[in-house]
Each structure stands twice: as C-alpha cells, then as structure tokens.
Amino acid sequence: MHILFLILFLILFPVIGYPQDNLATENWSTPVEIKIISSTFPDGVNTPYISSDGKTLYFESSGVIYAVEKTDTGWTSPHIASTMLNGIKAVNPKISHDNTKLFFTKEGSIFFLERKNVDQEWGEIQNCGSNINNYSTIINDYYLPNDSVMVIWNNSEMYNSVFNKSLNLWEPLFKNVLFSEAFFSFNSGNIFINFNFSKVYHTSLFYCWNEEDGKIIEIFKDELYVCYKNDKDELCLPQLLNINSEIDTILNTLSPFSTYFVLSPSLSEDGKDIYFGINYFGIPKVYYSRMLVDEKGDTLSSVKFKNDNLPSRYNLLQNYPNPFNPTTTITFHIPTSSHVTLAVYDLLGREVKTLVNKEMKPGNYKVTFDGTNLGSGVYVYRLGAGEFVQTRKLLLLK
C-alpha cells in the first residue's frame, strides 16, 4: 500500500510562521497521566491549573471545580475545591501565587474565593468588581502572572488590570502593553504567563492532511510552544517544545498524523513542572512533565518521576511505524520484575528474530526491529512475561 503524506502548516499568527524543527532550548520529560483524575472522571476534565508550590491541582468537570493534592505517595482522590461552590456553575479555575485566592469564571465574569492562609477554609464568593467585569461584554479568558496583575482576553483584545492593595480592588482595565496583540491572536486562550513575565507558554494550531488510497484525512493538533523575553524585553519567536513529539509517542498513534489538542498549560512557580490537558478522541485528560534542561541549556537535577511513571499492567503496543521499511519500534510495558521474551515470527510460526530474552525490571521499554534481511510481508511479534502472553502483527513493505 502506497502512502503519501503531504504536510501543510496553517499559520495562525498574522506575520510569523513557526518552523517545526525550531525546538526550544528547554527540554521536558515524557508526560505522565494523572490516572486518579482519569479514573474518577472517565469523560474527561477541563482547564487544569497548578498552584505555585506545585502541591495542589485545580480543574473543572461539568461546571464543578475540583482539586487534588500531591503527596509523597502520589495524588489524593479528587474532591470539590470548596463547599462554597456547591450548586454554582463555575469554570476555568486559577489559584493566586500565595494560594489564598481561588479565581473562576461564571457566566463570563470573574469571581474568587479567599482565605487568610492555606490551613483555613475558603470564604464566600466575591466579585472581582465592575472595573474587570463589564457586563456588556464576555471575558474570553484571563491569566494571573502574579498576585498584582491580571491579564484579560476580551473580544480578541488583551487588557491588564493591577490590584490596588490599599483599596483592596482591581484597577480599571487598560490596553495590554506587555505583549503585542499579534502574539495573542488566535491562541484559543491556551496561554500561561510566568510570574516575572519572562516566558509565555501557549498552544498553536498545526494542520496537515494525509492522502491514503485516494482518501484525504484532515488532521488538527494544538501543539505547545514557548516564547522567551530577549534583552530588549521583547518576546522572541515562538519555539516548539519537545513535549509534542513525546505526546505522539505516549498516545501510541498508528500514524504521526492523528488529531489531538494540548490544553491549558500551567507551571509551578519554579518553572520545573508543567501541567496540561490532552484532548484525544474527545476525552481531555491531565498530564504533567518535568523540565530536564532549562532555557539556558543547563541540565537540572532530581528530575525523575516517582513510581507514578511505572506501568500498572503488562502491555504490548502496536509497532510504529507500521507498515515499515526497514526498521520499526516496538514498545511494551512491564509492571513487575519478570523474565521477558520478545520475538518475531513468520506466518508459519518460525522464529525469525529474538529481540529480548532476559530478566527485566518494571518499566516502559522500546526495542528496534530491523527487517533488512527479511522479505516483504506480514510477521507476528510475541511478548511473553511470566504467565502473560500477547501477540501483534506487523507489515514489512520494501
């Protein structure tokens, strides 16, 4: 079967195109799904937002705001963020950097709950005030770079408001002067501005089409980018993060052209942990990743995930690419220490190559199969570990 891939980028910013090989200096680990959220909300959740200390993650499902806490043993079960929100249709949660104000939107306006410290219960719902909430328009999205500045996206235009501590109110909105409007246009609201305005993370739409057997398949992806401030205090060109290629891998797509959308990036204040949603087949799940190399090119220490990165069951994934010529990658998961065998057979049951035959520790593994010396055709690969056995087919085309 002949497959022809033609790639077309739709540039969503007015002037600047984003070359796909223009990767950011910073490098991130393979994203990890927060499975306690996925198992509790099988239909998915929206707008995950991490607290500045990286200990509490807020998100919304069906108009209810929930939270999970990160402990030494993993994530707690999701719970409603505050009893004050019972019966309130609240979405898009964001937590202040001092963790004392929990913001959310309701019917296009911004409200918040407040507490004196993290050990206290949340108080009653408060309105952010008429300087922010102009009821003749609807707020599309909002961002909290720090506790004194709110950036608001309203009708495709960006505005700022500064919090006046002495008067305990948000000042009237003024036109955004921190970033150009062109930068924020068409970003679907998936923007995160770090606390000192030196970096902005956002998504941008990538479009391509795949022609296979005369049928055109359209593919859309919201991919994750980062922009750095330069010496002139200007945003540089957006740069693609390696997280996108990692997402392609963990979703185990049979083709590199599969539709998914990265949603709502947010980072802990130290910038070392990033949280975001991935909407794949209509179900948004929450993932997080840890910075391996920062924007200066420095390698960070203590970046390995704990046991939440280990698989919970045996699994043999479909090889990628498939069909292939002459090499392909086979991925498999081992939840407990086992003697593992992985071999390739022809359709007559004859073993043509042993890929693995040894004791292996729990983990996620990838093995490359080279079919250079084999003829075109269908082959079978088989994973054995203890009593577990699983087989799949692969297609070599030369």
Protein backbone atom coordinates (compact mmCIF):
# COMPACT_ATOMS: atom_id res chain seq x y z
CA MET A 1 0.00 0.00 0.00
CA HIS A 2 1.44 3.32 -1.02
CA ILE A 3 1.06 6.17 1.46
CA LEU A 4 1.82 9.76 0.58
CA PHE A 5 1.99 12.33 3.35
CA LEU A 6 1.67 15.98 2.38
CA ILE A 7 2.07 18.47 5.21
CA LEU A 8 0.63 21.94 5.21
CA PHE A 9 1.07 24.43 8.05
CA LEU A 10 -1.67 26.94 8.68
CA ILE A 11 -0.02 29.91 10.26
CA LEU A 12 -2.36 31.26 12.90
CA PHE A 13 -0.37 34.39 13.68
CA PRO A 14 -0.55 37.26 11.18
CA VAL A 15 3.15 37.59 10.38
CA ILE A 16 5.31 34.83 11.80
CA GLY A 17 5.41 31.16 10.82
CA TYR A 18 6.69 28.50 13.20
CA PRO A 19 9.17 26.05 11.64
CA GLN A 20 8.63 22.60 13.13
CA ASP A 21 12.33 21.96 13.65
CA ASN A 22 12.75 25.18 15.66
CA LEU A 23 12.77 23.47 19.04
CA ALA A 24 13.07 25.39 22.27
CA THR A 25 16.28 25.19 24.26
CA GLU A 26 14.42 23.76 27.22
CA ASN A 27 13.67 20.05 27.22
CA TRP A 28 10.92 18.18 29.06
CA SER A 29 10.42 14.59 30.18
CA THR A 30 7.80 12.22 28.78
CA PRO A 31 4.41 13.43 30.10
CA VAL A 32 2.73 11.33 32.80
CA GLU A 33 -1.03 10.98 33.06
CA ILE A 34 -2.60 11.69 36.45
CA LYS A 35 -4.62 8.49 36.46
CA ILE A 36 -6.62 9.17 39.63
CA ILE A 37 -8.30 12.03 37.73
CA SER A 38 -8.92 9.94 34.60
CA SER A 39 -10.42 7.05 36.61
CA THR A 40 -12.69 9.38 38.59
CA PHE A 41 -13.79 11.37 35.54
CA PRO A 42 -13.80 8.94 32.57
CA ASP A 43 -15.41 11.60 30.34
CA GLY A 44 -12.51 13.97 30.96
CA VAL A 45 -11.89 17.25 32.79
CA ASN A 46 -11.07 20.82 31.76
CA THR A 47 -8.63 23.67 32.49
CA PRO A 48 -6.14 22.08 34.91
CA TYR A 49 -4.19 24.71 36.88
CA ILE A 50 -1.36 24.00 39.33
CA SER A 51 -0.69 26.02 42.46
CA SER A 52 2.59 27.92 42.61
CA ASP A 53 4.08 25.45 45.12
CA GLY A 54 3.16 22.54 42.84
CA LYS A 55 1.15 20.78 45.56
CA THR A 56 -2.48 21.34 44.52
CA LEU A 57 -4.02 20.94 41.08
CA TYR A 58 -7.41 22.51 40.35
CA PHE A 59 -9.64 21.56 37.41
CA GLU A 60 -13.27 21.67 36.30
CA SER A 61 -15.76 18.99 35.32
CA SER A 62 -19.42 19.61 34.47
CA GLY A 63 -19.33 23.10 35.97
CA VAL A 64 -17.81 21.96 39.28
CA ILE A 65 -14.29 22.86 40.39
CA TYR A 66 -12.27 20.05 41.96
CA ALA A 67 -8.80 19.75 43.47
CA VAL A 68 -6.22 17.02 44.05
CA GLU A 69 -3.18 17.25 46.34
CA LYS A 70 0.27 15.89 45.59
CA THR A 71 1.79 13.81 48.40
CA ASP A 72 4.90 11.67 48.82
CA THR A 73 2.89 8.61 47.78
CA GLY A 74 1.03 10.14 44.82
CA TRP A 75 -2.12 12.18 44.21
CA THR A 76 -5.12 12.24 46.54
CA SER A 77 -8.61 11.46 45.31
CA PRO A 78 -10.36 14.42 43.65
CA HIS A 79 -12.65 16.48 45.89
CA ILE A 80 -14.74 19.62 45.41
CA ALA A 81 -12.42 22.59 45.92
CA SER A 82 -14.84 24.36 48.28
CA THR A 83 -18.32 23.78 49.66
CA MET A 84 -18.95 27.44 48.76
CA LEU A 85 -19.07 26.33 45.13
CA ASN A 86 -21.88 23.81 45.62
CA GLY A 87 -24.61 24.49 43.07
CA ILE A 88 -22.52 27.17 41.33
CA LYS A 89 -21.71 26.76 37.63
CA ALA A 90 -18.01 27.62 37.93
CA VAL A 91 -15.30 27.03 35.32
CA ASN A 92 -11.69 27.93 34.50
CA PRO A 93 -10.13 27.87 37.99
CA LYS A 94 -6.87 29.72 38.72
CA ILE A 95 -5.10 29.98 42.07
CA SER A 96 -3.15 33.04 43.22
CA HIS A 97 0.59 32.66 43.83
CA ASP A 98 0.19 32.97 47.60
CA ASN A 99 -2.56 30.28 47.43
CA THR A 100 -5.08 32.48 49.25
CA LYS A 101 -7.40 33.35 46.34
CA LEU A 102 -9.13 30.86 44.06
CA PHE A 103 -10.43 32.58 40.93
CA PHE A 104 -13.01 31.22 38.48
CA THR A 105 -15.40 32.43 35.82
CA LYS A 106 -19.18 32.28 35.96
CA GLU A 107 -21.37 33.47 33.09
CA GLY A 108 -18.44 35.34 31.53
CA SER A 109 -17.36 37.25 34.67
CA ILE A 110 -14.53 36.61 37.13
CA PHE A 111 -15.15 35.77 40.77
CA PHE A 112 -12.97 34.42 43.59
CA LEU A 113 -12.90 32.74 46.98
CA GLU A 114 -10.47 33.96 49.64
CA ARG A 115 -8.80 32.57 52.75
CA LYS A 116 -6.19 34.05 55.10
CA ASN A 117 -3.84 31.08 54.81
CA VAL A 118 -3.76 27.60 53.27
CA ASP A 119 -4.93 25.95 56.50
CA GLN A 120 -8.23 27.82 56.56
CA GLU A 121 -11.50 27.15 54.78
CA TRP A 122 -12.47 29.27 51.78
CA GLY A 123 -14.77 32.23 52.43
CA GLU A 124 -17.83 33.28 50.46
CA ILE A 125 -17.83 34.02 46.72
CA GLN A 126 -16.69 37.55 45.85
CA ASN A 127 -16.97 39.53 42.62
CA CYS A 128 -13.76 40.93 41.13
CA GLY A 129 -15.59 44.20 40.64
CA SER A 130 -17.01 46.32 37.84
CA ASN A 131 -13.54 47.50 36.74
CA ILE A 132 -12.96 43.97 35.44
CA ASN A 133 -16.44 42.58 34.94
CA ASN A 134 -18.11 44.76 32.33
CA TYR A 135 -21.41 43.01 31.79
CA SER A 136 -21.82 44.37 28.26
CA THR A 137 -19.04 42.01 27.14
CA ILE A 138 -17.97 38.48 27.94
CA ILE A 139 -14.47 37.69 29.17
CA ASN A 140 -12.96 35.02 26.92
CA ASP A 141 -10.10 34.11 29.23
CA TYR A 142 -7.82 35.53 31.91
CA TYR A 143 -4.31 34.94 33.24
CA LEU A 144 -2.56 35.59 36.55
CA PRO A 145 1.17 36.13 36.03
CA ASN A 146 1.36 37.20 39.69
CA ASP A 147 -0.87 38.40 42.50
CA SER A 148 -0.79 42.05 41.42
CA VAL A 149 -1.53 41.73 37.69
CA MET A 150 -4.41 40.16 35.78
CA VAL A 151 -4.28 39.82 32.00
CA ILE A 152 -7.68 39.53 30.36
CA TRP A 153 -8.55 38.42 26.85
CA ASN A 154 -11.77 40.09 25.78
CA ASN A 155 -13.12 40.02 22.21
CA SER A 156 -9.68 39.15 20.77
CA GLU A 157 -8.02 42.08 22.56
CA MET A 158 -5.74 41.94 25.59
CA TYR A 159 -6.17 44.12 28.68
CA ASN A 160 -4.41 44.42 32.02
CA SER A 161 -5.64 45.24 35.49
CA VAL A 162 -3.45 45.94 38.51
CA PHE A 163 -4.54 45.06 42.04
CA ASN A 164 -4.53 48.04 44.43
CA LYS A 165 -3.74 46.57 47.85
CA SER A 166 -4.52 49.74 49.80
CA LEU A 167 -8.00 49.99 48.26
CA ASN A 168 -8.42 46.20 48.00
CA LEU A 169 -9.72 46.37 44.44
CA TRP A 170 -8.69 45.79 40.85
CA GLU A 171 -7.95 48.98 38.95
CA PRO A 172 -9.78 49.77 35.65
CA LEU A 173 -8.66 47.80 32.62
CA PHE A 174 -6.08 49.31 30.30
CA LYS A 175 -4.91 48.13 26.89
CA ASN A 176 -2.21 45.47 27.11
CA VAL A 177 1.25 46.96 26.68
CA LEU A 178 3.25 43.98 27.91
CA PHE A 179 2.77 41.87 24.79
CA SER A 180 1.66 42.67 21.29
CA GLU A 181 -1.89 41.80 20.25
CA ALA A 182 -0.49 39.84 17.32
CA PHE A 183 1.12 37.43 19.74
CA PHE A 184 -2.13 36.58 21.49
CA SER A 185 -4.36 36.41 18.43
CA PHE A 186 -5.96 33.06 17.61
CA ASN A 187 -4.44 31.22 20.58
CA SER A 188 -7.71 29.69 21.77
CA GLY A 189 -6.96 31.05 25.23
CA ASN A 190 -4.38 28.36 25.97
CA ILE A 191 -1.80 30.76 27.41
CA PHE A 192 0.35 30.71 30.55
CA ILE A 193 2.46 33.71 31.55
CA ASN A 194 5.14 33.05 34.16
CA PHE A 195 5.31 35.18 37.30
CA ASN A 196 8.05 37.60 36.12
CA PHE A 197 6.77 37.87 32.52
CA SER A 198 9.98 36.37 31.13
CA LYS A 199 8.30 33.41 29.40
CA VAL A 200 4.94 32.66 27.83
CA TYR A 201 3.67 29.17 27.04
CA HIS A 202 0.83 28.78 24.57
CA THR A 203 -0.71 26.43 22.06
CA SER A 204 -0.93 26.96 18.31
CA LEU A 205 -2.86 25.00 15.73
CA PHE A 206 -0.95 22.67 13.42
CA TYR A 207 -2.84 21.42 10.37
CA CYS A 208 -1.90 18.79 7.85
CA TRP A 209 -3.60 16.31 5.60
CA ASN A 210 -2.85 12.71 4.79
CA GLU A 211 -3.73 11.22 1.41
CA GLU A 212 -4.16 7.46 1.66
CA ASP A 213 -5.76 5.28 -1.04
CA GLY A 214 -7.20 8.39 -2.65
CA LYS A 215 -8.89 9.47 0.58
CA ILE A 216 -7.91 12.74 2.23
CA ILE A 217 -7.82 12.73 6.03
CA GLU A 218 -7.59 16.11 7.72
CA ILE A 219 -5.50 16.29 10.90
CA PHE A 220 -5.51 19.05 13.51
CA LYS A 221 -3.27 19.44 16.55
CA ASP A 222 -2.95 22.17 19.14
CA GLU A 223 0.77 22.00 19.88
CA LEU A 224 2.68 23.58 22.74
CA TYR A 225 5.13 26.45 22.24
CA VAL A 226 7.21 28.76 24.44
CA CYS A 227 8.38 32.35 23.93
CA TYR A 228 11.29 33.92 25.83
CA LYS A 229 11.92 37.61 26.54
CA ASN A 230 15.09 38.95 24.94
CA ASP A 231 17.48 41.63 26.22
CA LYS A 232 15.17 44.32 24.84
CA ASP A 233 12.28 42.95 26.90
CA GLU A 234 10.58 41.71 23.74
CA LEU A 235 9.12 38.29 23.09
CA CYS A 236 11.19 36.12 20.79
CA LEU A 237 9.79 33.89 18.06
CA PRO A 238 7.60 31.10 19.45
CA GLN A 239 9.53 27.84 19.69
CA LEU A 240 8.08 24.34 19.58
CA LEU A 241 8.51 22.22 22.72
CA ASN A 242 9.72 18.62 22.55
CA ILE A 243 6.63 17.68 24.59
CA ASN A 244 4.64 17.41 21.37
CA SER A 245 6.74 14.55 20.00
CA GLU A 246 6.55 12.88 23.41
CA ILE A 247 2.76 13.11 23.25
CA ASP A 248 2.78 11.42 19.84
CA THR A 249 4.67 8.54 21.44
CA ILE A 250 2.55 8.07 24.57
CA LEU A 251 -0.71 8.16 22.64
CA ASN A 252 0.59 5.20 20.60
CA THR A 253 -0.85 6.60 17.39
CA LEU A 254 -0.68 4.31 14.36
CA SER A 255 0.16 7.35 12.27
CA PRO A 256 2.09 10.50 13.14
CA PHE A 257 -0.92 12.39 11.81
CA SER A 258 -3.60 11.91 14.46
CA THR A 259 -5.81 14.64 15.87
CA TYR A 260 -5.23 15.75 19.45
CA PHE A 261 -5.25 19.06 21.31
CA VAL A 262 -2.96 20.27 24.09
CA LEU A 263 -4.99 22.39 26.50
CA SER A 264 -4.43 24.86 29.34
CA PRO A 265 -0.72 24.73 30.19
CA SER A 266 0.28 25.92 33.68
CA LEU A 267 3.56 25.71 35.60
CA SER A 268 4.70 25.68 39.19
CA GLU A 269 6.42 28.92 40.14
CA ASP A 270 9.92 27.40 39.92
CA GLY A 271 9.10 26.54 36.29
CA LYS A 272 10.22 22.92 36.65
CA ASP A 273 6.82 21.21 36.40
CA ILE A 274 4.26 21.79 33.66
CA TYR A 275 0.64 20.57 33.73
CA PHE A 276 -1.76 20.49 30.81
CA GLY A 277 -4.71 18.66 29.32
CA ILE A 278 -4.66 16.48 26.22
CA ASN A 279 -7.95 16.13 24.37
CA TYR A 280 -7.68 12.89 22.42
CA PHE A 281 -10.79 11.34 20.82
CA GLY A 282 -12.90 13.92 22.65
CA ILE A 283 -11.77 13.00 26.18
CA PRO A 284 -9.46 15.55 27.86
CA LYS A 285 -7.07 14.03 30.41
CA VAL A 286 -4.49 15.70 32.63
CA TYR A 287 -0.73 15.14 32.22
CA TYR A 288 2.38 16.63 33.73
CA SER A 289 6.02 16.77 32.73
CA ARG A 290 9.27 17.78 34.43
CA MET A 291 11.91 20.07 32.98
CA LEU A 292 15.14 18.26 32.09
CA VAL A 293 17.04 21.18 30.53
CA ASP A 294 16.18 24.82 31.20
CA GLU A 295 16.11 27.74 28.76
CA LYS A 296 19.78 28.46 29.49
CA GLY A 297 20.76 24.95 28.41
CA ASP A 298 21.56 23.85 31.97
CA THR A 299 20.71 20.26 32.90
CA LEU A 300 18.55 20.07 36.02
CA SER A 301 18.96 17.51 38.80
CA SER A 302 16.30 15.50 40.63
CA VAL A 303 14.07 15.31 37.59
CA LYS A 304 12.99 11.67 37.65
CA PHE A 305 9.38 10.88 38.42
CA LYS A 306 8.49 8.59 41.27
CA ASN A 307 6.65 5.31 40.86
CA ASP A 308 3.65 7.02 39.25
CA ASN A 309 5.57 6.67 35.96
CA LEU A 310 5.64 2.86 36.20
CA PRO A 311 3.06 0.82 34.25
CA SER A 312 0.21 -0.83 36.15
CA ARG A 313 -0.14 -3.82 33.78
CA TYR A 314 1.62 -5.78 31.06
CA ASN A 315 1.00 -4.43 27.59
CA LEU A 316 2.42 -4.91 24.10
CA LEU A 317 1.77 -1.90 21.87
CA GLN A 318 1.42 -1.74 18.11
CA ASN A 319 4.76 -1.16 16.42
CA TYR A 320 5.43 2.25 14.91
CA PRO A 321 5.70 2.95 12.06
CA ASN A 322 3.56 0.25 10.54
CA PRO A 323 3.94 -0.55 7.63
CA PHE A 324 7.71 0.00 7.87
CA ASN A 325 10.93 -0.30 5.86
CA PRO A 326 13.32 -1.45 7.13
CA THR A 327 13.10 -0.59 10.86
CA THR A 328 10.26 -0.14 13.33
CA THR A 329 9.95 0.40 17.07
CA ILE A 330 8.12 -2.00 19.41
CA THR A 331 7.01 -0.65 22.81
CA PHE A 332 5.97 -2.77 25.79
CA HIS A 333 5.18 -2.27 29.48
CA ILE A 334 6.38 -4.45 32.37
CA PRO A 335 4.71 -3.77 35.79
CA THR A 336 6.79 -6.25 37.85
CA SER A 337 10.24 -7.82 37.58
CA SER A 338 9.93 -10.69 35.09
CA HIS A 339 11.82 -12.86 32.65
CA VAL A 340 10.78 -11.28 29.36
CA THR A 341 10.92 -12.68 25.85
CA LEU A 342 10.10 -10.75 22.70
CA ALA A 343 10.47 -12.43 19.32
CA VAL A 344 9.31 -12.04 15.73
CA TYR A 345 7.82 -14.96 13.74
CA ASP A 346 6.68 -15.51 10.18
CA LEU A 347 3.14 -16.67 9.43
CA LEU A 348 4.27 -20.33 9.52
CA GLY A 349 5.28 -19.90 13.15
CA ARG A 350 9.04 -19.92 12.51
CA GLU A 351 11.05 -17.56 14.69
CA VAL A 352 12.94 -15.07 12.53
CA LYS A 353 14.49 -12.91 15.26
CA THR A 354 14.77 -12.78 19.06
CA LEU A 355 14.66 -9.20 20.31
CA VAL A 356 14.58 -9.74 24.11
CA ASN A 357 15.33 -12.76 26.31
CA LYS A 358 16.31 -11.68 29.83
CA GLU A 359 15.20 -10.59 33.29
CA MET A 360 13.75 -7.06 33.24
CA LYS A 361 12.74 -4.61 35.97
CA PRO A 362 9.37 -2.77 35.94
CA GLY A 363 9.25 -0.04 33.32
CA ASN A 364 8.32 1.10 29.82
CA TYR A 365 10.60 -0.27 27.11
CA LYS A 366 11.26 0.29 23.41
CA VAL A 367 13.05 -2.13 21.08
CA THR A 368 14.01 -1.55 17.45
CA PHE A 369 13.32 -4.33 14.95
CA ASP A 370 15.39 -4.30 11.75
CA GLY A 371 13.86 -6.20 8.83
CA THR A 372 16.67 -5.52 6.36
CA ASN A 373 17.34 -9.22 5.75
CA LEU A 374 13.68 -10.21 5.51
CA GLY A 375 11.26 -10.15 2.63
CA SER A 376 8.11 -8.05 2.41
CA GLY A 377 5.10 -9.46 4.19
CA VAL A 378 3.17 -9.85 7.43
CA TYR A 379 5.00 -11.00 10.55
CA VAL A 380 3.93 -11.65 14.13
CA TYR A 381 5.73 -10.41 17.25
CA ARG A 382 5.11 -12.03 20.62
CA LEU A 383 5.74 -10.78 24.17
CA GLY A 384 6.00 -13.29 27.00
CA ALA A 385 6.47 -12.41 30.70
CA GLY A 386 5.54 -14.92 33.38
CA GLU A 387 2.05 -16.12 32.50
CA PHE A 388 1.38 -13.09 30.31
CA VAL A 389 1.47 -13.61 26.52
CA GLN A 390 0.43 -11.11 23.86
CA THR A 391 0.95 -11.05 20.09
CA ARG A 392 0.52 -8.45 17.36
CA LYS A 393 1.10 -8.29 13.60
CA LEU A 394 3.46 -6.02 11.72
CA LEU A 395 3.84 -5.33 8.00
CA LEU A 396 7.19 -5.00 6.25
CA LEU A 397 7.00 -3.30 2.84
CA LYS A 398 10.02 -2.98 0.59
